[in-house]
């Protein structure tokens, strides 16, 4: 289970904060958590996947990265979880 939390913290959260800043990154994470019904702490495979899908579909993410950029990030995040 630690692998998914590590992937979330080190890949998903880091990429969002690098692109949007800490405050907006946290808003995106909170919105995705609410939308997906998945917590951002102590997450397992199913929660990780739901969160990543919700983040990649967020209008702020798509607006900043474009549809293909958001899908590329989603693919990278899913791959990161597999190797963590």
N, C-alpha and C. Protein backbone atom coordinates (compact mmCIF):
# COMPACT_ATOMS: atom_id res chain seq x y z
N UNK A 1 0.83 -1.20 0.00
CA UNK A 1 0.00 0.00 0.00
C UNK A 1 0.86 1.26 0.00
N UNK A 2 2.07 1.18 0.62
CA UNK A 2 2.96 2.33 0.65
C UNK A 2 3.37 2.80 -0.72
N UNK A 3 3.44 1.86 -1.68
CA UNK A 3 3.84 2.22 -3.04
C UNK A 3 2.89 3.21 -3.69
N UNK A 4 1.60 3.04 -3.44
CA UNK A 4 0.63 3.97 -4.02
C UNK A 4 0.70 5.33 -3.34
N UNK A 5 0.89 5.35 -2.04
CA UNK A 5 1.03 6.63 -1.34
C UNK A 5 2.30 7.33 -1.79
N UNK A 6 3.38 6.58 -1.93
CA UNK A 6 4.64 7.17 -2.41
C UNK A 6 4.49 7.73 -3.82
N UNK A 7 3.85 6.97 -4.69
CA UNK A 7 3.64 7.44 -6.07
C UNK A 7 2.78 8.70 -6.07
N UNK A 8 1.76 8.72 -5.22
CA UNK A 8 0.89 9.89 -5.14
C UNK A 8 1.68 11.11 -4.67
N UNK A 9 2.42 10.96 -3.59
CA UNK A 9 3.17 12.09 -3.03
C UNK A 9 4.30 12.54 -3.93
N UNK A 10 5.04 11.58 -4.50
CA UNK A 10 6.25 11.91 -5.25
C UNK A 10 6.03 12.21 -6.73
N UNK A 11 4.91 11.80 -7.28
CA UNK A 11 4.67 12.03 -8.70
C UNK A 11 3.46 12.91 -8.94
N UNK A 12 2.32 12.53 -8.41
CA UNK A 12 1.09 13.28 -8.66
C UNK A 12 1.13 14.64 -7.98
N UNK A 13 1.28 14.64 -6.68
CA UNK A 13 1.29 15.90 -5.92
C UNK A 13 2.42 16.82 -6.40
N UNK A 14 3.61 16.25 -6.62
CA UNK A 14 4.77 17.04 -7.04
C UNK A 14 4.53 17.71 -8.38
N UNK A 15 3.97 16.97 -9.34
CA UNK A 15 3.71 17.54 -10.67
C UNK A 15 2.66 18.63 -10.60
N UNK A 16 1.61 18.42 -9.82
CA UNK A 16 0.58 19.45 -9.69
C UNK A 16 1.15 20.72 -9.06
N UNK A 17 1.91 20.57 -8.00
CA UNK A 17 2.49 21.73 -7.33
C UNK A 17 3.49 22.45 -8.21
N UNK A 18 4.24 21.72 -9.03
CA UNK A 18 5.19 22.34 -9.95
C UNK A 18 4.48 23.16 -11.02
N UNK A 19 3.33 22.70 -11.48
CA UNK A 19 2.59 23.39 -12.53
C UNK A 19 1.69 24.49 -12.00
N UNK A 20 1.06 24.26 -10.87
CA UNK A 20 0.01 25.15 -10.39
C UNK A 20 0.36 25.91 -9.12
N UNK A 21 1.45 25.53 -8.47
CA UNK A 21 1.77 26.10 -7.16
C UNK A 21 1.10 25.27 -6.08
N UNK A 22 1.56 25.46 -4.86
CA UNK A 22 1.07 24.62 -3.76
C UNK A 22 -0.42 24.84 -3.49
N UNK A 23 -0.87 26.09 -3.46
CA UNK A 23 -2.26 26.39 -3.10
C UNK A 23 -3.25 25.82 -4.12
N UNK A 24 -3.04 26.11 -5.39
CA UNK A 24 -3.96 25.61 -6.42
C UNK A 24 -3.84 24.10 -6.55
N UNK A 25 -2.63 23.57 -6.40
CA UNK A 25 -2.43 22.13 -6.43
C UNK A 25 -3.26 21.44 -5.35
N UNK A 26 -3.28 22.02 -4.16
CA UNK A 26 -4.07 21.46 -3.08
C UNK A 26 -5.57 21.56 -3.37
N UNK A 27 -6.00 22.64 -4.00
CA UNK A 27 -7.42 22.77 -4.37
C UNK A 27 -7.81 21.70 -5.38
N UNK A 28 -6.94 21.45 -6.35
CA UNK A 28 -7.20 20.41 -7.35
C UNK A 28 -7.29 19.04 -6.67
N UNK A 29 -6.36 18.77 -5.75
CA UNK A 29 -6.39 17.49 -5.03
C UNK A 29 -7.65 17.35 -4.19
N UNK A 30 -8.04 18.42 -3.52
CA UNK A 30 -9.25 18.37 -2.69
C UNK A 30 -10.49 18.13 -3.56
N UNK A 31 -10.55 18.80 -4.69
CA UNK A 31 -11.68 18.63 -5.61
C UNK A 31 -11.72 17.20 -6.14
N UNK A 32 -10.56 16.67 -6.53
CA UNK A 32 -10.49 15.30 -7.05
C UNK A 32 -10.86 14.29 -5.97
N UNK A 33 -10.44 14.56 -4.74
CA UNK A 33 -10.77 13.67 -3.63
C UNK A 33 -12.28 13.64 -3.41
N UNK A 34 -12.89 14.81 -3.41
CA UNK A 34 -14.35 14.89 -3.24
C UNK A 34 -15.08 14.20 -4.39
N UNK A 35 -14.63 14.46 -5.60
CA UNK A 35 -15.29 13.90 -6.78
C UNK A 35 -15.18 12.38 -6.84
N UNK A 36 -14.01 11.87 -6.49
CA UNK A 36 -13.75 10.43 -6.61
C UNK A 36 -14.14 9.66 -5.35
N UNK A 37 -14.33 10.37 -4.25
CA UNK A 37 -14.63 9.70 -2.99
C UNK A 37 -13.42 8.98 -2.39
N UNK A 38 -12.23 9.38 -2.81
CA UNK A 38 -10.99 8.74 -2.34
C UNK A 38 -10.18 9.74 -1.51
N UNK A 39 -9.70 9.29 -0.37
CA UNK A 39 -8.83 10.12 0.47
C UNK A 39 -7.46 10.25 -0.18
N UNK A 40 -6.70 11.25 0.25
CA UNK A 40 -5.36 11.44 -0.30
C UNK A 40 -4.27 10.88 0.61
N UNK A 41 -4.67 10.28 1.73
CA UNK A 41 -3.71 9.68 2.65
C UNK A 41 -4.03 8.20 2.82
N UNK A 42 -2.99 7.39 2.90
CA UNK A 42 -3.17 5.96 3.10
C UNK A 42 -3.93 5.28 1.97
N UNK A 43 -3.64 5.68 0.75
CA UNK A 43 -4.41 5.18 -0.39
C UNK A 43 -3.88 3.86 -0.93
N UNK A 44 -4.78 3.07 -1.44
CA UNK A 44 -4.45 1.83 -2.10
C UNK A 44 -4.65 1.96 -3.60
N UNK A 45 -4.62 0.86 -4.29
CA UNK A 45 -4.66 0.85 -5.75
C UNK A 45 -5.94 1.49 -6.30
N UNK A 46 -7.08 1.10 -5.76
CA UNK A 46 -8.35 1.60 -6.29
C UNK A 46 -8.49 3.10 -6.07
N UNK A 47 -8.15 3.58 -4.87
CA UNK A 47 -8.23 5.00 -4.57
C UNK A 47 -7.25 5.80 -5.44
N UNK A 48 -6.06 5.26 -5.59
CA UNK A 48 -5.04 5.93 -6.41
C UNK A 48 -5.55 6.12 -7.84
N UNK A 49 -6.10 5.07 -8.40
CA UNK A 49 -6.61 5.14 -9.77
C UNK A 49 -7.75 6.15 -9.89
N UNK A 50 -8.69 6.11 -8.94
CA UNK A 50 -9.81 7.06 -8.98
C UNK A 50 -9.34 8.49 -8.84
N UNK A 51 -8.39 8.73 -7.93
CA UNK A 51 -7.86 10.08 -7.76
C UNK A 51 -7.16 10.58 -9.02
N UNK A 52 -6.31 9.74 -9.59
CA UNK A 52 -5.57 10.14 -10.79
C UNK A 52 -6.52 10.44 -11.94
N UNK A 53 -7.54 9.61 -12.11
CA UNK A 53 -8.54 9.85 -13.17
C UNK A 53 -9.25 11.18 -12.94
N UNK A 54 -9.63 11.46 -11.70
CA UNK A 54 -10.33 12.71 -11.39
C UNK A 54 -9.42 13.92 -11.62
N UNK A 55 -8.16 13.80 -11.24
CA UNK A 55 -7.22 14.91 -11.44
C UNK A 55 -7.01 15.17 -12.93
N UNK A 56 -6.83 14.11 -13.71
CA UNK A 56 -6.59 14.27 -15.15
C UNK A 56 -7.81 14.86 -15.85
N UNK A 57 -9.00 14.69 -15.27
CA UNK A 57 -10.21 15.24 -15.86
C UNK A 57 -10.58 16.62 -15.34
N UNK A 58 -9.84 17.13 -14.37
CA UNK A 58 -10.13 18.45 -13.80
C UNK A 58 -9.94 19.52 -14.86
N UNK A 59 -10.88 20.45 -14.94
CA UNK A 59 -10.82 21.48 -15.99
C UNK A 59 -9.58 22.36 -15.89
N UNK A 60 -9.07 22.59 -14.68
CA UNK A 60 -7.85 23.39 -14.53
C UNK A 60 -6.64 22.64 -15.09
N UNK A 61 -6.60 21.34 -14.87
CA UNK A 61 -5.50 20.51 -15.38
C UNK A 61 -5.56 20.45 -16.90
N UNK A 62 -6.73 20.18 -17.43
CA UNK A 62 -6.89 20.12 -18.89
C UNK A 62 -6.60 21.49 -19.51
N UNK A 63 -7.03 22.56 -18.85
CA UNK A 63 -6.77 23.91 -19.34
C UNK A 63 -5.28 24.24 -19.40
N UNK A 64 -4.54 23.76 -18.42
CA UNK A 64 -3.10 24.05 -18.35
C UNK A 64 -2.28 23.12 -19.24
N UNK A 65 -2.59 21.83 -19.22
CA UNK A 65 -1.78 20.84 -19.92
C UNK A 65 -2.36 20.39 -21.24
N UNK A 66 -3.64 20.71 -21.49
CA UNK A 66 -4.31 20.19 -22.68
C UNK A 66 -4.79 18.77 -22.42
N UNK A 67 -5.69 18.29 -23.27
CA UNK A 67 -6.23 16.94 -23.10
C UNK A 67 -5.12 15.90 -23.21
N UNK A 68 -4.26 16.03 -24.21
CA UNK A 68 -3.21 15.02 -24.38
C UNK A 68 -2.18 15.09 -23.26
N UNK A 69 -1.88 16.29 -22.78
CA UNK A 69 -0.94 16.43 -21.66
C UNK A 69 -1.49 15.81 -20.39
N UNK A 70 -2.78 16.00 -20.14
CA UNK A 70 -3.42 15.41 -18.96
C UNK A 70 -3.43 13.89 -19.07
N UNK A 71 -3.69 13.37 -20.27
CA UNK A 71 -3.67 11.92 -20.46
C UNK A 71 -2.26 11.35 -20.34
N UNK A 72 -1.26 12.10 -20.83
CA UNK A 72 0.13 11.67 -20.67
C UNK A 72 0.51 11.60 -19.20
N UNK A 73 0.11 12.62 -18.44
CA UNK A 73 0.40 12.63 -17.00
C UNK A 73 -0.29 11.45 -16.32
N UNK A 74 -1.53 11.19 -16.69
CA UNK A 74 -2.27 10.07 -16.11
C UNK A 74 -1.53 8.75 -16.36
N UNK A 75 -1.06 8.57 -17.57
CA UNK A 75 -0.31 7.36 -17.91
C UNK A 75 0.98 7.26 -17.09
N UNK A 76 1.69 8.38 -16.94
CA UNK A 76 2.92 8.40 -16.15
C UNK A 76 2.62 8.06 -14.69
N UNK A 77 1.53 8.61 -14.15
CA UNK A 77 1.18 8.35 -12.76
C UNK A 77 0.84 6.89 -12.54
N UNK A 78 0.12 6.31 -13.47
CA UNK A 78 -0.23 4.89 -13.35
C UNK A 78 1.01 4.01 -13.44
N UNK A 79 1.94 4.38 -14.32
CA UNK A 79 3.20 3.64 -14.42
C UNK A 79 4.05 3.81 -13.17
N UNK A 80 4.05 5.00 -12.60
CA UNK A 80 4.82 5.26 -11.38
C UNK A 80 4.34 4.39 -10.23
N UNK A 81 3.04 4.17 -10.16
CA UNK A 81 2.49 3.34 -9.08
C UNK A 81 2.92 1.88 -9.22
N UNK A 82 3.08 1.44 -10.45
CA UNK A 82 3.47 0.06 -10.69
C UNK A 82 4.90 -0.22 -10.27
N UNK A 83 5.77 0.79 -10.37
CA UNK A 83 7.18 0.58 -10.05
C UNK A 83 7.54 1.03 -8.65
N UNK A 84 6.61 1.69 -7.95
CA UNK A 84 6.91 2.18 -6.60
C UNK A 84 6.90 1.04 -5.60
